[in-house]
């Protein structure tokens, strides 16, 4: 990623943190503590005027390997 792109990305991250401080803090705690194999990640989306939609996944070793390979890609 070029320096200008990195600056834009960091600005977007800071905007997200300012707009959603509780969620950003929650994500930080989860990532800091690690997500071991067997953990369940669940997300619910509630669109205005619609019923909530929920999905979940159990973290597998292959998921952790994918995340680790993505970490190696950062500049």
C-alpha atoms as a PDB file:
ATOM      1  CA  UNK A   1       0.000   0.000   0.000  1.00  0.00           C
ATOM      2  CA  UNK A   2       1.371   3.420  -0.913  1.00  0.00           C
ATOM      3  CA  UNK A   3       1.828   6.107   1.778  1.00  0.00           C
ATOM      4  CA  UNK A   4      -1.183   8.156   0.603  1.00  0.00           C
ATOM      5  CA  UNK A   5      -3.382   5.061   0.640  1.00  0.00           C
ATOM      6  CA  UNK A   6      -2.135   4.175   4.118  1.00  0.00           C
ATOM      7  CA  UNK A   7      -2.966   7.699   5.340  1.00  0.00           C
ATOM      8  CA  UNK A   8      -6.500   7.420   3.931  1.00  0.00           C
ATOM      9  CA  UNK A   9      -6.915   4.004   5.533  1.00  0.00           C
ATOM     10  CA  UNK A  10      -5.756   5.255   8.932  1.00  0.00           C
ATOM     11  CA  UNK A  11      -8.089   8.245   8.644  1.00  0.00           C
ATOM     12  CA  UNK A  12     -11.003   5.905   7.894  1.00  0.00           C
ATOM     13  CA  UNK A  13     -10.083   3.726  10.910  1.00  0.00           C
ATOM     14  CA  UNK A  14      -9.998   6.798  13.167  1.00  0.00           C
ATOM     15  CA  UNK A  15     -13.371   7.962  11.839  1.00  0.00           C
ATOM     16  CA  UNK A  16     -14.819   4.500  12.546  1.00  0.00           C
ATOM     17  CA  UNK A  17     -13.431   4.563  16.095  1.00  0.00           C
ATOM     18  CA  UNK A  18     -14.882   8.033  16.702  1.00  0.00           C
ATOM     19  CA  UNK A  19     -18.286   7.079  15.280  1.00  0.00           C
ATOM     20  CA  UNK A  20     -18.500   3.739  17.114  1.00  0.00           C
ATOM     21  CA  UNK A  21     -16.288   3.917  20.240  1.00  0.00           C
ATOM     22  CA  UNK A  22     -17.985   1.072  22.138  1.00  0.00           C
ATOM     23  CA  UNK A  23     -17.803  -1.293  19.180  1.00  0.00           C
ATOM     24  CA  UNK A  24     -14.193  -0.376  18.419  1.00  0.00           C
ATOM     25  CA  UNK A  25     -13.295  -0.992  22.076  1.00  0.00           C
ATOM     26  CA  UNK A  26     -15.126  -4.332  22.010  1.00  0.00           C
ATOM     27  CA  UNK A  27     -13.212  -5.415  18.886  1.00  0.00           C
ATOM     28  CA  UNK A  28      -9.942  -4.376  20.492  1.00  0.00           C
ATOM     29  CA  UNK A  29     -10.636  -6.496  23.578  1.00  0.00           C
ATOM     30  CA  UNK A  30     -11.619  -9.520  21.506  1.00  0.00           C
ATOM     31  CA  UNK A  31      -8.570  -9.312  19.262  1.00  0.00           C
ATOM     32  CA  UNK A  32      -6.226  -8.661  22.182  1.00  0.00           C
ATOM     33  CA  UNK A  33      -7.498 -11.744  24.008  1.00  0.00           C
ATOM     34  CA  UNK A  34      -7.251 -13.872  20.878  1.00  0.00           C
ATOM     35  CA  UNK A  35      -9.899 -16.000  19.258  1.00  0.00           C
ATOM     36  CA  UNK A  36      -8.966 -19.641  19.788  1.00  0.00           C
ATOM     37  CA  UNK A  37     -10.173 -22.558  17.693  1.00  0.00           C
ATOM     38  CA  UNK A  38     -13.663 -23.597  18.817  1.00  0.00           C
ATOM     39  CA  UNK A  39     -14.787 -20.034  19.569  1.00  0.00           C
ATOM     40  CA  UNK A  40     -18.163 -19.067  18.135  1.00  0.00           C
ATOM     41  CA  UNK A  41     -18.524 -15.729  16.358  1.00  0.00           C
ATOM     42  CA  UNK A  42     -22.092 -14.514  15.917  1.00  0.00           C
ATOM     43  CA  UNK A  43     -23.383 -11.411  14.194  1.00  0.00           C
ATOM     44  CA  UNK A  44     -26.887  -9.976  13.918  1.00  0.00           C
ATOM     45  CA  UNK A  45     -27.935  -7.332  11.411  1.00  0.00           C
ATOM     46  CA  UNK A  46     -31.193  -5.445  11.938  1.00  0.00           C
ATOM     47  CA  UNK A  47     -32.177  -3.312   8.987  1.00  0.00           C
ATOM     48  CA  UNK A  48     -34.735  -0.544   9.555  1.00  0.00           C
ATOM     49  CA  UNK A  49     -38.236  -2.014   9.380  1.00  0.00           C
ATOM     50  CA  UNK A  50     -37.003  -5.602   8.962  1.00  0.00           C
ATOM     51  CA  UNK A  51     -36.553  -8.632  11.179  1.00  0.00           C
ATOM     52  CA  UNK A  52     -33.040  -9.293  12.496  1.00  0.00           C
ATOM     53  CA  UNK A  53     -30.847 -11.712  10.548  1.00  0.00           C
ATOM     54  CA  UNK A  54     -28.299 -13.709  12.552  1.00  0.00           C
ATOM     55  CA  UNK A  55     -25.433 -15.955  11.465  1.00  0.00           C
ATOM     56  CA  UNK A  56     -22.643 -17.622  13.377  1.00  0.00           C
ATOM     57  CA  UNK A  57     -19.526 -19.656  12.774  1.00  0.00           C
ATOM     58  CA  UNK A  58     -17.290 -21.864  14.855  1.00  0.00           C
ATOM     59  CA  UNK A  59     -13.648 -20.876  14.389  1.00  0.00           C
ATOM     60  CA  UNK A  60     -11.620 -23.655  12.779  1.00  0.00           C
ATOM     61  CA  UNK A  61      -7.857 -24.091  12.591  1.00  0.00           C
ATOM     62  CA  UNK A  62      -8.013 -23.285   8.867  1.00  0.00           C
ATOM     63  CA  UNK A  63      -9.684 -19.941   9.707  1.00  0.00           C
ATOM     64  CA  UNK A  64      -6.832 -19.082  12.068  1.00  0.00           C
ATOM     65  CA  UNK A  65      -4.290 -20.032   9.403  1.00  0.00           C
ATOM     66  CA  UNK A  66      -6.026 -17.732   6.898  1.00  0.00           C
ATOM     67  CA  UNK A  67      -5.969 -14.824   9.362  1.00  0.00           C
ATOM     68  CA  UNK A  68      -2.301 -15.428  10.099  1.00  0.00           C
ATOM     69  CA  UNK A  69      -1.471 -15.421   6.382  1.00  0.00           C
ATOM     70  CA  UNK A  70      -3.337 -12.087   6.018  1.00  0.00           C
ATOM     71  CA  UNK A  71      -1.260 -10.611   8.844  1.00  0.00           C
ATOM     72  CA  UNK A  72       1.883 -11.491   6.880  1.00  0.00           C
ATOM     73  CA  UNK A  73       0.632  -9.401   3.920  1.00  0.00           C
ATOM     74  CA  UNK A  74       0.611  -6.064   5.734  1.00  0.00           C
ATOM     75  CA  UNK A  75       3.398  -3.653   4.752  1.00  0.00           C
END
